Amino acid sequence: MNISDDAFEELLTGFEHSAVHLETRDAYGTSVELPYMAKWAAGEPDDLEWLQGWCATLREHVKAGKTVRRARIVSEPLSDYQRWSYSIAHPMVEAGEDIRWVPRRLVSSTPLPGNDFYLFDDSLAVFLHYAGNGLGRAKVTSTDPGDIALCKSAFETVWKFAIPHSEYTPTYSRSAGRRSPRTAPS
């Protein structure tokens, strides 16, 4: 069933125990992120104030004993989007989200769903559908036991290869411009 952005926001704040998120794309084009990524690409500073709402939510989850884990399967060298994403991850990690990086070459034989997903409390999957340019198209929920089992298995298998954000040293192309992957303060 398709859900609205508001219903999805309720899921992000209202789960009981755990939320996991598997990202498999090298680039996204969310309307929220694009202006900030453009600033980064232009070498302009970003105080990351726009992330503080999510960081506050993460801190509340941690206080309540909930876990939030995100695994990002990435091609190396990193795409510009993933370089930017790496550079802004520190406030979310500090707030309690366990963000890890998985070089794509490590999961070649891992069965994965065809779309990125969130899995809430091992009982509700939300598949994220994207257009080719990375813009979100739909969020589709499922409680089908097969979908839940696939998402849980895929995430846990990928997680075994995942490198914690603080330990991951991304590779990037020398032609990627003058921005290094560690552009934001830690």
Protein backbone atom coordinates (compact mmCIF):
# COMPACT_ATOMS: atom_id res chain seq x y z
CA MET A 1 0.00 0.00 0.00
CA ASN A 2 1.34 3.47 -0.88
CA ILE A 3 1.79 5.79 2.08
CA SER A 4 2.13 9.55 2.30
CA ASP A 5 5.21 11.42 3.45
CA ASP A 6 3.37 12.31 6.67
CA ALA A 7 2.53 8.65 7.37
CA PHE A 8 6.15 7.74 6.72
CA GLU A 9 7.32 10.44 9.16
CA GLU A 10 5.04 8.86 11.78
CA LEU A 11 6.72 5.50 11.19
CA LEU A 12 10.18 7.08 11.59
CA THR A 13 9.22 8.46 14.97
CA GLY A 14 6.74 5.88 16.24
CA PHE A 15 8.42 2.48 15.94
CA GLU A 16 8.78 0.49 19.17
CA HIS A 17 12.23 -1.13 19.13
CA SER A 18 14.21 -0.95 15.92
CA ALA A 19 14.44 0.61 12.50
CA VAL A 20 16.86 -0.52 9.84
CA HIS A 21 17.43 1.16 6.49
CA LEU A 22 19.20 -0.36 3.50
CA GLU A 23 20.40 2.03 0.79
CA THR A 24 21.62 0.57 -2.48
CA ARG A 25 21.83 3.51 -4.88
CA ASP A 26 24.91 5.60 -5.64
CA ALA A 27 22.88 8.77 -6.04
CA TYR A 28 19.63 10.19 -4.80
CA GLY A 29 17.91 13.45 -5.62
CA THR A 30 15.70 14.29 -2.69
CA SER A 31 14.25 17.78 -2.80
CA VAL A 32 15.41 18.36 0.79
CA GLU A 33 19.02 17.40 0.10
CA LEU A 34 19.69 18.85 -3.36
CA PRO A 35 20.23 22.49 -2.27
CA TYR A 36 22.71 21.42 0.42
CA MET A 37 24.58 19.11 -1.90
CA ALA A 38 24.83 21.98 -4.40
CA LYS A 39 26.37 24.18 -1.70
CA TRP A 40 28.87 21.41 -0.91
CA ALA A 41 29.75 21.01 -4.60
CA ALA A 42 30.35 24.76 -4.81
CA GLY A 43 32.64 24.63 -1.76
CA GLU A 44 30.23 26.68 0.37
CA PRO A 45 29.96 26.03 4.11
CA ASP A 46 26.93 24.25 5.57
CA ASP A 47 26.21 24.42 9.30
CA LEU A 48 24.01 21.29 8.91
CA GLU A 49 21.22 22.98 10.86
CA TRP A 50 18.74 21.33 8.48
CA LEU A 51 19.70 17.91 9.97
CA GLN A 52 18.99 18.90 13.57
CA GLY A 53 15.34 17.77 13.58
CA TRP A 54 16.36 14.24 12.60
CA CYS A 55 19.24 14.31 15.08
CA ALA A 56 16.84 15.30 17.88
CA THR A 57 14.58 12.39 16.91
CA LEU A 58 17.58 10.05 16.98
CA ARG A 59 18.56 11.22 20.46
CA GLU A 60 15.00 10.54 21.66
CA HIS A 61 15.14 7.04 20.18
CA VAL A 62 18.42 6.34 21.96
CA LYS A 63 16.97 7.62 25.26
CA ALA A 64 14.03 5.24 24.81
CA GLY A 65 16.35 2.29 24.14
CA LYS A 66 15.50 2.05 20.43
CA THR A 67 18.04 1.28 17.72
CA VAL A 68 18.41 2.89 14.31
CA ARG A 69 20.82 1.29 11.83
CA ARG A 70 21.58 2.27 8.26
CA ALA A 71 23.72 0.35 5.78
CA ARG A 72 24.83 2.08 2.60
CA ILE A 73 25.95 -0.17 -0.23
CA VAL A 74 28.25 2.00 -2.32
CA SER A 75 30.35 1.75 -5.44
CA GLU A 76 33.97 2.79 -5.10
CA PRO A 77 35.28 5.29 -5.83
CA LEU A 78 32.29 7.03 -4.29
CA SER A 79 29.86 9.01 -6.40
CA ASP A 80 29.61 12.74 -5.69
CA TYR A 81 26.35 12.11 -3.87
CA GLN A 82 27.93 9.50 -1.58
CA ARG A 83 30.99 11.69 -0.98
CA TRP A 84 28.64 14.45 0.15
CA SER A 85 26.59 11.99 2.20
CA TYR A 86 29.75 10.77 3.91
CA SER A 87 30.73 14.35 4.72
CA ILE A 88 27.45 15.09 6.54
CA ALA A 89 26.94 11.80 8.41
CA HIS A 90 28.78 12.71 11.61
CA PRO A 91 25.90 14.57 13.39
CA MET A 92 23.56 11.63 12.80
CA VAL A 93 26.17 9.15 14.06
CA GLU A 94 26.81 11.32 17.12
CA ALA A 95 23.05 11.47 17.76
CA GLY A 96 22.82 7.67 17.78
CA GLU A 97 22.23 6.39 14.25
CA ASP A 98 24.59 3.52 13.47
CA ILE A 99 25.57 4.34 9.88
CA ARG A 100 27.79 1.87 8.10
CA TRP A 101 29.31 1.65 4.64
CA VAL A 102 29.47 -1.46 2.49
CA PRO A 103 31.64 -1.51 -0.62
CA ARG A 104 29.42 -3.00 -3.34
CA ARG A 105 32.07 -5.57 -4.30
CA LEU A 106 31.56 -7.28 -0.91
CA VAL A 107 27.88 -8.11 -1.50
CA SER A 108 27.90 -9.36 -5.09
CA SER A 109 26.30 -12.68 -4.13
CA THR A 110 23.90 -11.30 -1.50
CA PRO A 111 20.18 -11.62 -2.35
CA LEU A 112 18.70 -8.13 -2.07
CA PRO A 113 15.22 -6.68 -2.59
CA GLY A 114 14.87 -4.66 -5.78
CA ASN A 115 14.38 -1.41 -3.85
CA ASP A 116 15.83 0.38 -0.86
CA PHE A 117 13.79 -0.21 2.26
CA TYR A 118 13.15 0.48 5.90
CA LEU A 119 12.20 -2.37 8.22
CA PHE A 120 10.42 -1.30 11.39
CA ASP A 121 10.34 -3.66 14.39
CA ASP A 122 10.93 -6.66 12.09
CA SER A 123 7.25 -6.44 11.15
CA LEU A 124 6.69 -3.66 8.60
CA ALA A 125 8.73 -3.07 5.46
CA VAL A 126 8.59 0.20 3.56
CA PHE A 127 10.01 -0.07 0.05
CA LEU A 128 11.30 3.19 -1.39
CA HIS A 129 10.72 3.58 -5.12
CA TYR A 130 12.94 6.03 -7.02
CA ALA A 131 13.04 7.45 -10.53
CA GLY A 132 16.23 7.04 -12.53
CA ASN A 133 17.42 10.50 -11.45
CA GLY A 134 17.12 9.55 -7.77
CA LEU A 135 13.93 11.43 -6.96
CA GLY A 136 11.54 9.56 -4.71
CA ARG A 137 8.42 8.27 -6.46
CA ALA A 138 6.58 6.22 -3.83
CA LYS A 139 6.77 4.57 -0.44
CA VAL A 140 5.06 1.18 -0.37
CA THR A 141 4.39 -0.75 2.83
CA SER A 142 4.30 -4.50 3.25
CA THR A 143 3.61 -6.86 6.11
CA ASP A 144 3.89 -9.91 3.86
CA PRO A 145 5.96 -12.50 5.77
CA GLY A 146 8.07 -13.19 2.65
CA ASP A 147 8.92 -9.50 2.24
CA ILE A 148 9.74 -9.16 5.95
CA ALA A 149 11.98 -12.25 5.86
CA LEU A 150 13.78 -11.05 2.70
CA CYS A 151 14.40 -7.57 4.12
CA LYS A 152 15.57 -8.89 7.47
CA SER A 153 17.88 -11.46 5.89
CA ALA A 154 19.27 -8.99 3.34
CA PHE A 155 19.95 -6.33 5.95
CA GLU A 156 21.62 -8.70 8.42
CA THR A 157 23.75 -10.26 5.67
CA VAL A 158 24.87 -6.85 4.41
CA TRP A 159 25.48 -5.69 8.00
CA LYS A 160 28.11 -8.42 8.43
CA PHE A 161 30.22 -6.63 5.79
CA ALA A 162 29.38 -3.11 6.97
CA ILE A 163 32.15 -0.77 8.08
CA PRO A 164 31.23 1.72 10.85
CA HIS A 165 31.24 5.32 9.68
CA SER A 166 34.15 6.21 11.99
CA GLU A 167 36.28 3.43 10.49
CA TYR A 168 35.35 3.76 6.83
CA THR A 169 37.89 5.48 4.60
CA PRO A 170 36.18 6.13 1.29
CA THR A 171 37.99 6.00 -1.99
CA TYR A 172 37.29 8.72 -4.46
CA SER A 173 38.41 9.63 -7.91
CA ARG A 174 41.24 12.11 -8.30
CA SER A 175 39.09 13.83 -10.90
CA ALA A 176 36.24 14.33 -8.42
CA GLY A 177 37.20 17.92 -7.80
CA ARG A 178 38.90 19.67 -4.97
CA ARG A 179 36.51 18.52 -2.24
CA SER A 180 37.81 15.70 -0.06
CA PRO A 181 35.37 13.18 1.42
CA ARG A 182 35.90 14.58 4.93
CA THR A 183 34.70 18.12 4.43
CA ALA A 184 32.52 18.64 7.47
CA PRO A 185 33.91 18.98 10.99
CA SER A 186 33.81 15.89 13.19
